[in-house]
Amino acid sequence: MDIVESIGKVLVVGLLFGAGLPALFAFGLRFHAEGATETNADGTVTPGNPALRAAGYVIFAVVLLIIATALLWITRQTIYYYFDIKIFPFGYK
């Protein structure tokens, strides 16, 4: 049963980061596009929604934070070995 649980955990994390993170980024792009100002064909400018644009930037920041945290988690042992810096308070051998 231990192997089945491990496979299930890997599957859930893979789906979360493999499909969830790109979907979150796509929502950020959509919000950013909806909040942008538009120039019409006749030269008039239609103002966008600044709240949607800000929401897009917040989502981009969350995605960037998740990616940076994942990279630091992957390299935590190497950083600890070479620089003696514990980035996370757990997970060291």
PDB file of N, CA and C in Angstrom:
ATOM      1  N   MET A   1       0.811  -1.192   0.000  1.00  0.00           N
ATOM      2  CA  MET A   1       0.000   0.000   0.000  1.00  0.00           C
ATOM      3  C   MET A   1       0.855   1.257   0.000  1.00  0.00           C
ATOM      4  N   ASP A   2       2.061   1.149   0.509  1.00  0.00           N
ATOM      5  CA  ASP A   2       2.966   2.296   0.555  1.00  0.00           C
ATOM      6  C   ASP A   2       3.305   2.800  -0.852  1.00  0.00           C
ATOM      7  N   ILE A   3       3.494   1.882  -1.772  1.00  0.00           N
ATOM      8  CA  ILE A   3       3.834   2.259  -3.146  1.00  0.00           C
ATOM      9  C   ILE A   3       2.659   2.955  -3.817  1.00  0.00           C
ATOM     10  N   VAL A   4       1.461   2.478  -3.579  1.00  0.00           N
ATOM     11  CA  VAL A   4       0.272   3.087  -4.174  1.00  0.00           C
ATOM     12  C   VAL A   4       0.080   4.512  -3.654  1.00  0.00           C
ATOM     13  N   GLU A   5       0.315   4.715  -2.352  1.00  0.00           N
ATOM     14  CA  GLU A   5       0.208   6.063  -1.783  1.00  0.00           C
ATOM     15  C   GLU A   5       1.259   7.000  -2.381  1.00  0.00           C
ATOM     16  N   SER A   6       2.476   6.499  -2.545  1.00  0.00           N
ATOM     17  CA  SER A   6       3.542   7.316  -3.130  1.00  0.00           C
ATOM     18  C   SER A   6       3.231   7.689  -4.571  1.00  0.00           C
ATOM     19  N   ILE A   7       2.713   6.747  -5.323  1.00  0.00           N
ATOM     20  CA  ILE A   7       2.343   7.021  -6.711  1.00  0.00           C
ATOM     21  C   ILE A   7       1.218   8.054  -6.758  1.00  0.00           C
ATOM     22  N   GLY A   8       0.265   7.921  -5.852  1.00  0.00           N
ATOM     23  CA  GLY A   8      -0.833   8.884  -5.791  1.00  0.00           C
ATOM     24  C   GLY A   8      -0.353  10.295  -5.459  1.00  0.00           C
ATOM     25  N   LYS A   9       0.577  10.402  -4.514  1.00  0.00           N
ATOM     26  CA  LYS A   9       1.128  11.718  -4.160  1.00  0.00           C
ATOM     27  C   LYS A   9       1.870  12.342  -5.337  1.00  0.00           C
ATOM     28  N   VAL A  10       2.674  11.556  -6.010  1.00  0.00           N
ATOM     29  CA  VAL A  10       3.414  12.065  -7.174  1.00  0.00           C
ATOM     30  C   VAL A  10       2.448  12.480  -8.276  1.00  0.00           C
ATOM     31  N   LEU A  11       1.383  11.718  -8.466  1.00  0.00           N
ATOM     32  CA  LEU A  11       0.381  12.050  -9.475  1.00  0.00           C
ATOM     33  C   LEU A  11      -0.305  13.382  -9.159  1.00  0.00           C
ATOM     34  N   VAL A  12      -0.683  13.573  -7.907  1.00  0.00           N
ATOM     35  CA  VAL A  12      -1.365  14.815  -7.520  1.00  0.00           C
ATOM     36  C   VAL A  12      -0.442  16.016  -7.680  1.00  0.00           C
ATOM     37  N   VAL A  13       0.789  15.905  -7.224  1.00  0.00           N
ATOM     38  CA  VAL A  13       1.739  17.020  -7.356  1.00  0.00           C
ATOM     39  C   VAL A  13       2.056  17.283  -8.823  1.00  0.00           C
ATOM     40  N   GLY A  14       2.179  16.228  -9.604  1.00  0.00           N
ATOM     41  CA  GLY A  14       2.435  16.403 -11.038  1.00  0.00           C
ATOM     42  C   GLY A  14       1.292  17.103 -11.749  1.00  0.00           C
ATOM     43  N   LEU A  15       0.068  16.733 -11.407  1.00  0.00           N
ATOM     44  CA  LEU A  15      -1.084  17.416 -11.999  1.00  0.00           C
ATOM     45  C   LEU A  15      -1.168  18.864 -11.543  1.00  0.00           C
ATOM     46  N   LEU A  16      -0.870  19.100 -10.271  1.00  0.00           N
ATOM     47  CA  LEU A  16      -0.944  20.450  -9.737  1.00  0.00           C
ATOM     48  C   LEU A  16       0.054  21.374 -10.419  1.00  0.00           C
ATOM     49  N   PHE A  17       1.300  20.949 -10.504  1.00  0.00           N
ATOM     50  CA  PHE A  17       2.325  21.801 -11.113  1.00  0.00           C
ATOM     51  C   PHE A  17       2.360  21.675 -12.630  1.00  0.00           C
ATOM     52  N   GLY A  18       2.005  20.520 -13.150  1.00  0.00           N
ATOM     53  CA  GLY A  18       2.059  20.320 -14.588  1.00  0.00           C
ATOM     54  C   GLY A  18       0.897  20.942 -15.334  1.00  0.00           C
ATOM     55  N   ALA A  19      -0.258  21.018 -14.700  1.00  0.00           N
ATOM     56  CA  ALA A  19      -1.431  21.612 -15.341  1.00  0.00           C
ATOM     57  C   ALA A  19      -1.924  22.837 -14.591  1.00  0.00           C
ATOM     58  N   GLY A  20      -1.794  22.844 -13.278  1.00  0.00           N
ATOM     59  CA  GLY A  20      -2.320  23.941 -12.480  1.00  0.00           C
ATOM     60  C   GLY A  20      -1.536  25.230 -12.623  1.00  0.00           C
ATOM     61  N   LEU A  21      -0.225  25.134 -12.626  1.00  0.00           N
ATOM     62  CA  LEU A  21       0.598  26.343 -12.741  1.00  0.00           C
ATOM     63  C   LEU A  21       0.453  27.012 -14.105  1.00  0.00           C
ATOM     64  N   PRO A  22       0.485  26.273 -15.216  1.00  0.00           N
ATOM     65  CA  PRO A  22       0.214  26.925 -16.501  1.00  0.00           C
ATOM     66  C   PRO A  22      -1.207  27.492 -16.602  1.00  0.00           C
ATOM     67  N   ALA A  23      -2.171  26.831 -15.978  1.00  0.00           N
ATOM     68  CA  ALA A  23      -3.540  27.362 -15.989  1.00  0.00           C
ATOM     69  C   ALA A  23      -3.616  28.657 -15.191  1.00  0.00           C
ATOM     70  N   LEU A  24      -2.924  28.719 -14.071  1.00  0.00           N
ATOM     71  CA  LEU A  24      -2.874  29.945 -13.281  1.00  0.00           C
ATOM     72  C   LEU A  24      -2.222  31.074 -14.071  1.00  0.00           C
ATOM     73  N   PHE A  25      -1.155  30.768 -14.779  1.00  0.00           N
ATOM     74  CA  PHE A  25      -0.497  31.763 -15.627  1.00  0.00           C
ATOM     75  C   PHE A  25      -1.437  32.231 -16.738  1.00  0.00           C
ATOM     76  N   ALA A  26      -2.212  31.314 -17.293  1.00  0.00           N
ATOM     77  CA  ALA A  26      -3.170  31.691 -18.346  1.00  0.00           C
ATOM     78  C   ALA A  26      -4.245  32.626 -17.804  1.00  0.00           C
ATOM     79  N   PHE A  27      -4.706  32.378 -16.566  1.00  0.00           N
ATOM     80  CA  PHE A  27      -5.653  33.303 -15.947  1.00  0.00           C
ATOM     81  C   PHE A  27      -5.029  34.682 -15.766  1.00  0.00           C
ATOM     82  N   GLY A  28      -3.750  34.709 -15.383  1.00  0.00           N
ATOM     83  CA  GLY A  28      -3.059  35.989 -15.240  1.00  0.00           C
ATOM     84  C   GLY A  28      -2.974  36.737 -16.559  1.00  0.00           C
ATOM     85  N   LEU A  29      -2.691  36.009 -17.632  1.00  0.00           N
ATOM     86  CA  LEU A  29      -2.656  36.645 -18.959  1.00  0.00           C
ATOM     87  C   LEU A  29      -4.024  37.177 -19.349  1.00  0.00           C
ATOM     88  N   ARG A  30      -5.049  36.416 -19.043  1.00  0.00           N
ATOM     89  CA  ARG A  30      -6.422  36.835 -19.382  1.00  0.00           C
ATOM     90  C   ARG A  30      -6.814  38.098 -18.612  1.00  0.00           C
ATOM     91  N   PHE A  31      -6.522  38.122 -17.319  1.00  0.00           N
ATOM     92  CA  PHE A  31      -6.831  39.307 -16.517  1.00  0.00           C
ATOM     93  C   PHE A  31      -6.036  40.514 -16.992  1.00  0.00           C
ATOM     94  N   HIS A  32      -4.782  40.306 -17.305  1.00  0.00           N
ATOM     95  CA  HIS A  32      -3.944  41.404 -17.779  1.00  0.00           C
ATOM     96  C   HIS A  32      -4.459  41.952 -19.110  1.00  0.00           C
ATOM     97  N   ALA A  33      -4.878  41.078 -20.001  1.00  0.00           N
ATOM     98  CA  ALA A  33      -5.394  41.515 -21.301  1.00  0.00           C
ATOM     99  C   ALA A  33      -6.727  42.247 -21.154  1.00  0.00           C
ATOM    100  N   GLU A  34      -7.573  41.767 -20.255  1.00  0.00           N
ATOM    101  CA  GLU A  34      -8.863  42.426 -20.040  1.00  0.00           C
ATOM    102  C   GLU A  34      -8.697  43.807 -19.402  1.00  0.00           C
ATOM    103  N   GLY A  35      -7.634  43.973 -18.622  1.00  0.00           N
ATOM    104  CA  GLY A  35      -7.417  45.246 -17.955  1.00  0.00           C
ATOM    105  C   GLY A  35      -6.637  46.254 -18.767  1.00  0.00           C
ATOM    106  N   ALA A  36      -6.137  45.855 -19.929  1.00  0.00           N
ATOM    107  CA  ALA A  36      -5.313  46.747 -20.737  1.00  0.00           C
ATOM    108  C   ALA A  36      -6.176  47.752 -21.499  1.00  0.00           C
ATOM    109  N   THR A  37      -5.595  48.915 -21.783  1.00  0.00           N
ATOM    110  CA  THR A  37      -6.293  49.908 -22.601  1.00  0.00           C
ATOM    111  C   THR A  37      -6.235  49.480 -24.062  1.00  0.00           C
ATOM    112  N   GLU A  38      -7.247  49.871 -24.814  1.00  0.00           N
ATOM    113  CA  GLU A  38      -7.316  49.500 -26.227  1.00  0.00           C
ATOM    114  C   GLU A  38      -7.409  50.748 -27.082  1.00  0.00           C
ATOM    115  N   THR A  39      -6.724  50.714 -28.224  1.00  0.00           N
ATOM    116  CA  THR A  39      -6.837  51.780 -29.206  1.00  0.00           C
ATOM    117  C   THR A  39      -7.719  51.271 -30.337  1.00  0.00           C
ATOM    118  N   ASN A  40      -8.816  51.959 -30.570  1.00  0.00           N
ATOM    119  CA  ASN A  40      -9.760  51.542 -31.599  1.00  0.00           C
ATOM    120  C   ASN A  40      -9.268  51.976 -32.977  1.00  0.00           C
ATOM    121  N   ALA A  41      -9.949  51.509 -34.011  1.00  0.00           N
ATOM    122  CA  ALA A  41      -9.553  51.809 -35.387  1.00  0.00           C
ATOM    123  C   ALA A  41      -9.684  53.299 -35.706  1.00  0.00           C
ATOM    124  N   ASP A  42     -10.615  53.976 -35.053  1.00  0.00           N
ATOM    125  CA  ASP A  42     -10.799  55.398 -35.331  1.00  0.00           C
ATOM    126  C   ASP A  42      -9.870  56.281 -34.499  1.00  0.00           C
ATOM    127  N   GLY A  43      -9.001  55.693 -33.696  1.00  0.00           N
ATOM    128  CA  GLY A  43      -8.024  56.448 -32.925  1.00  0.00           C
ATOM    129  C   GLY A  43      -8.438  56.747 -31.507  1.00  0.00           C
ATOM    130  N   THR A  44      -9.642  56.388 -31.135  1.00  0.00           N
ATOM    131  CA  THR A  44     -10.069  56.620 -29.758  1.00  0.00           C
ATOM    132  C   THR A  44      -9.496  55.548 -28.843  1.00  0.00           C
ATOM    133  N   VAL A  45      -9.310  55.906 -27.605  1.00  0.00           N
ATOM    134  CA  VAL A  45      -8.731  54.988 -26.629  1.00  0.00           C
ATOM    135  C   VAL A  45      -9.807  54.577 -25.630  1.00  0.00           C
ATOM    136  N   THR A  46      -9.954  53.271 -25.456  1.00  0.00           N
ATOM    137  CA  THR A  46     -10.893  52.733 -24.486  1.00  0.00           C
ATOM    138  C   THR A  46     -10.100  52.345 -23.242  1.00  0.00           C
ATOM    139  N   PRO A  47     -10.393  52.954 -22.099  1.00  0.00           N
ATOM    140  CA  PRO A  47      -9.628  52.611 -20.888  1.00  0.00           C
ATOM    141  C   PRO A  47      -9.952  51.208 -20.400  1.00  0.00           C
ATOM    142  N   GLY A  48      -8.955  50.569 -19.848  1.00  0.00           N
ATOM    143  CA  GLY A  48      -9.144  49.224 -19.320  1.00  0.00           C
ATOM    144  C   GLY A  48      -9.513  49.256 -17.853  1.00  0.00           C
ATOM    145  N   ASN A  49      -9.654  48.109 -17.283  1.00  0.00           N
ATOM    146  CA  ASN A  49      -9.996  47.971 -15.872  1.00  0.00           C
ATOM    147  C   ASN A  49      -8.698  47.780 -15.083  1.00  0.00           C
ATOM    148  N   PRO A  50      -8.298  48.773 -14.272  1.00  0.00           N
ATOM    149  CA  PRO A  50      -7.033  48.635 -13.542  1.00  0.00           C
ATOM    150  C   PRO A  50      -7.060  47.527 -12.488  1.00  0.00           C
ATOM    151  N   ALA A  51      -8.233  47.181 -11.978  1.00  0.00           N
ATOM    152  CA  ALA A  51      -8.317  46.100 -10.990  1.00  0.00           C
ATOM    153  C   ALA A  51      -7.983  44.755 -11.624  1.00  0.00           C
ATOM    154  N   LEU A  52      -8.462  44.531 -12.844  1.00  0.00           N
ATOM    155  CA  LEU A  52      -8.131  43.280 -13.535  1.00  0.00           C
ATOM    156  C   LEU A  52      -6.648  43.217 -13.880  1.00  0.00           C
ATOM    157  N   ARG A  53      -6.102  44.343 -14.281  1.00  0.00           N
ATOM    158  CA  ARG A  53      -4.669  44.378 -14.604  1.00  0.00           C
ATOM    159  C   ARG A  53      -3.841  44.098 -13.355  1.00  0.00           C
ATOM    160  N   ALA A  54      -4.228  44.681 -12.224  1.00  0.00           N
ATOM    161  CA  ALA A  54      -3.521  44.418 -10.967  1.00  0.00           C
ATOM    162  C   ALA A  54      -3.660  42.951 -10.555  1.00  0.00           C
ATOM    163  N   ALA A  55      -4.838  42.371 -10.768  1.00  0.00           N
ATOM    164  CA  ALA A  55      -5.029  40.954 -10.455  1.00  0.00           C
ATOM    165  C   ALA A  55      -4.116  40.082 -11.319  1.00  0.00           C
ATOM    166  N   GLY A  56      -3.942  40.468 -12.570  1.00  0.00           N
ATOM    167  CA  GLY A  56      -3.015  39.742 -13.435  1.00  0.00           C
ATOM    168  C   GLY A  56      -1.593  39.797 -12.915  1.00  0.00           C
ATOM    169  N   TYR A  57      -1.163  40.978 -12.456  1.00  0.00           N
ATOM    170  CA  TYR A  57       0.185  41.112 -11.909  1.00  0.00           C
ATOM    171  C   TYR A  57       0.349  40.310 -10.618  1.00  0.00           C
ATOM    172  N   VAL A  58      -0.689  40.257  -9.800  1.00  0.00           N
ATOM    173  CA  VAL A  58      -0.623  39.462  -8.576  1.00  0.00           C
ATOM    174  C   VAL A  58      -0.489  37.981  -8.920  1.00  0.00           C
ATOM    175  N   ILE A  59      -1.229  37.521  -9.896  1.00  0.00           N
ATOM    176  CA  ILE A  59      -1.134  36.115 -10.302  1.00  0.00           C
ATOM    177  C   ILE A  59       0.243  35.818 -10.879  1.00  0.00           C
ATOM    178  N   PHE A  60       0.810  36.736 -11.671  1.00  0.00           N
ATOM    179  CA  PHE A  60       2.164  36.541 -12.187  1.00  0.00           C
ATOM    180  C   PHE A  60       3.168  36.441 -11.038  1.00  0.00           C
ATOM    181  N   ALA A  61       2.995  37.264 -10.014  1.00  0.00           N
ATOM    182  CA  ALA A  61       3.895  37.227  -8.862  1.00  0.00           C
ATOM    183  C   ALA A  61       3.784  35.903  -8.115  1.00  0.00           C
ATOM    184  N   VAL A  62       2.576  35.384  -7.990  1.00  0.00           N
ATOM    185  CA  VAL A  62       2.381  34.092  -7.315  1.00  0.00           C
ATOM    186  C   VAL A  62       3.058  32.975  -8.110  1.00  0.00           C
ATOM    187  N   VAL A  63       2.897  32.988  -9.413  1.00  0.00           N
ATOM    188  CA  VAL A  63       3.538  31.968 -10.259  1.00  0.00           C
ATOM    189  C   VAL A  63       5.053  32.064 -10.138  1.00  0.00           C
ATOM    190  N   LEU A  64       5.585  33.273 -10.161  1.00  0.00           N
ATOM    191  CA  LEU A  64       7.034  33.461 -10.023  1.00  0.00           C
ATOM    192  C   LEU A  64       7.516  32.988  -8.657  1.00  0.00           C
ATOM    193  N   LEU A  65       6.760  33.262  -7.616  1.00  0.00           N
ATOM    194  CA  LEU A  65       7.121  32.818  -6.274  1.00  0.00           C
ATOM    195  C   LEU A  65       7.122  31.291  -6.173  1.00  0.00           C
ATOM    196  N   ILE A  66       6.145  30.644  -6.776  1.00  0.00           N
ATOM    197  CA  ILE A  66       6.091  29.179  -6.764  1.00  0.00           C
ATOM    198  C   ILE A  66       7.284  28.584  -7.503  1.00  0.00           C
ATOM    199  N   ILE A  67       7.635  29.156  -8.641  1.00  0.00           N
ATOM    200  CA  ILE A  67       8.775  28.645  -9.418  1.00  0.00           C
ATOM    201  C   ILE A  67      10.077  28.843  -8.657  1.00  0.00           C
ATOM    202  N   ALA A  68      10.260  30.030  -8.058  1.00  0.00           N
ATOM    203  CA  ALA A  68      11.489  30.290  -7.299  1.00  0.00           C
ATOM    204  C   ALA A  68      11.593  29.367  -6.084  1.00  0.00           C
ATOM    205  N   THR A  69      10.486  29.141  -5.395  1.00  0.00           N
ATOM    206  CA  THR A  69      10.494  28.247  -4.242  1.00  0.00           C
ATOM    207  C   THR A  69      10.808  26.812  -4.666  1.00  0.00           C
ATOM    208  N   ALA A  70      10.258  26.379  -5.780  1.00  0.00           N
ATOM    209  CA  ALA A  70      10.534  25.024  -6.275  1.00  0.00           C
ATOM    210  C   ALA A  70      12.006  24.866  -6.640  1.00  0.00           C
ATOM    211  N   LEU A  71      12.586  25.859  -7.284  1.00  0.00           N
ATOM    212  CA  LEU A  71      14.008  25.780  -7.635  1.00  0.00           C
ATOM    213  C   LEU A  71      14.893  25.765  -6.390  1.00  0.00           C
ATOM    214  N   LEU A  72      14.553  26.585  -5.409  1.00  0.00           N
ATOM    215  CA  LEU A  72      15.322  26.570  -4.161  1.00  0.00           C
ATOM    216  C   LEU A  72      15.154  25.255  -3.416  1.00  0.00           C
ATOM    217  N   TRP A  73      13.958  24.664  -3.475  1.00  0.00           N
ATOM    218  CA  TRP A  73      13.739  23.376  -2.819  1.00  0.00           C
ATOM    219  C   TRP A  73      14.574  22.284  -3.483  1.00  0.00           C
ATOM    220  N   ILE A  74      14.640  22.314  -4.804  1.00  0.00           N
ATOM    221  CA  ILE A  74      15.410  21.303  -5.529  1.00  0.00           C
ATOM    222  C   ILE A  74      16.903  21.435  -5.225  1.00  0.00           C
ATOM    223  N   THR A  75      17.392  22.649  -5.099  1.00  0.00           N
ATOM    224  CA  THR A  75      18.825  22.871  -4.903  1.00  0.00           C
ATOM    225  C   THR A  75      19.214  23.090  -3.448  1.00  0.00           C
ATOM    226  N   ARG A  76      18.327  22.818  -2.496  1.00  0.00           N
ATOM    227  CA  ARG A  76      18.603  23.126  -1.094  1.00  0.00           C
ATOM    228  C   ARG A  76      19.802  22.358  -0.545  1.00  0.00           C
ATOM    229  N   GLN A  77      19.971  21.109  -0.932  1.00  0.00           N
ATOM    230  CA  GLN A  77      21.101  20.323  -0.444  1.00  0.00           C
ATOM    231  C   GLN A  77      22.428  20.855  -0.979  1.00  0.00           C
ATOM    232  N   THR A  78      22.434  21.227  -2.239  1.00  0.00           N
ATOM    233  CA  THR A  78      23.655  21.756  -2.839  1.00  0.00           C
ATOM    234  C   THR A  78      24.028  23.103  -2.228  1.00  0.00           C
ATOM    235  N   ILE A  79      23.053  23.952  -2.030  1.00  0.00           N
ATOM    236  CA  ILE A  79      23.316  25.257  -1.407  1.00  0.00           C
ATOM    237  C   ILE A  79      23.817  25.061   0.020  1.00  0.00           C
ATOM    238  N   TYR A  80      23.236  24.125   0.738  1.00  0.00           N
ATOM    239  CA  TYR A  80      23.685  23.856   2.102  1.00  0.00           C
ATOM    240  C   TYR A  80      25.098  23.284   2.111  1.00  0.00           C
ATOM    241  N   TYR A  81      25.407  22.409   1.172  1.00  0.00           N
ATOM    242  CA  TYR A  81      26.720  21.777   1.128  1.00  0.00           C
ATOM    243  C   TYR A  81      27.827  22.792   0.814  1.00  0.00           C
ATOM    244  N   TYR A  82      27.600  23.630  -0.198  1.00  0.00           N
ATOM    245  CA  TYR A  82      28.648  24.548  -0.630  1.00  0.00           C
ATOM    246  C   TYR A  82      28.697  25.851   0.171  1.00  0.00           C
ATOM    247  N   PHE A  83      27.568  26.354   0.605  1.00  0.00           N
ATOM    248  CA  PHE A  83      27.540  27.672   1.253  1.00  0.00           C
ATOM    249  C   PHE A  83      27.121  27.619   2.724  1.00  0.00           C
ATOM    250  N   ASP A  84      26.737  26.442   3.223  1.00  0.00           N
ATOM    251  CA  ASP A  84      26.303  26.258   4.608  1.00  0.00           C
ATOM    252  C   ASP A  84      25.138  27.184   4.963  1.00  0.00           C
ATOM    253  N   ILE A  85      24.210  27.327   4.017  1.00  0.00           N
ATOM    254  CA  ILE A  85      23.016  28.148   4.211  1.00  0.00           C
ATOM    255  C   ILE A  85      21.801  27.225   4.172  1.00  0.00           C
ATOM    256  N   LYS A  86      21.014  27.272   5.243  1.00  0.00           N
ATOM    257  CA  LYS A  86      19.776  26.489   5.280  1.00  0.00           C
ATOM    258  C   LYS A  86      18.633  27.391   4.834  1.00  0.00           C
ATOM    259  N   ILE A  87      18.146  27.175   3.614  1.00  0.00           N
ATOM    260  CA  ILE A  87      17.060  27.986   3.077  1.00  0.00           C
ATOM    261  C   ILE A  87      15.738  27.600   3.723  1.00  0.00           C
ATOM    262  N   PHE A  88      15.524  26.313   3.879  1.00  0.00           N
ATOM    263  CA  PHE A  88      14.325  25.795   4.522  1.00  0.00           C
ATOM    264  C   PHE A  88      14.747  25.183   5.858  1.00  0.00           C
ATOM    265  N   PRO A  89      13.932  25.300   6.891  1.00  0.00           N
ATOM    266  CA  PRO A  89      14.360  24.789   8.209  1.00  0.00           C
ATOM    267  C   PRO A  89      14.280  23.272   8.356  1.00  0.00           C
ATOM    268  N   PHE A  90      13.931  22.560   7.304  1.00  0.00           N
ATOM    269  CA  PHE A  90      13.789  21.119   7.388  1.00  0.00           C
ATOM    270  C   PHE A  90      14.275  20.510   6.074  1.00  0.00           C
ATOM    271  N   GLY A  91      14.455  19.210   6.053  1.00  0.00           N
ATOM    272  CA  GLY A  91      14.806  18.506   4.825  1.00  0.00           C
ATOM    273  C   GLY A  91      16.304  18.379   4.572  1.00  0.00           C
ATOM    274  N   TYR A  92      17.129  18.459   5.613  1.00  0.00           N
ATOM    275  CA  TYR A  92      18.564  18.329   5.430  1.00  0.00           C
ATOM    276  C   TYR A  92      19.036  17.044   6.082  1.00  0.00           C
ATOM    277  N   LYS A  93      20.037  16.421   5.453  1.00  0.00           N
ATOM    278  CA  LYS A  93      20.578  15.161   5.984  1.00  0.00           C
ATOM    279  C   LYS A  93      21.942  15.407   6.575  1.00  0.00           C
TER     280      LYS A  93
END
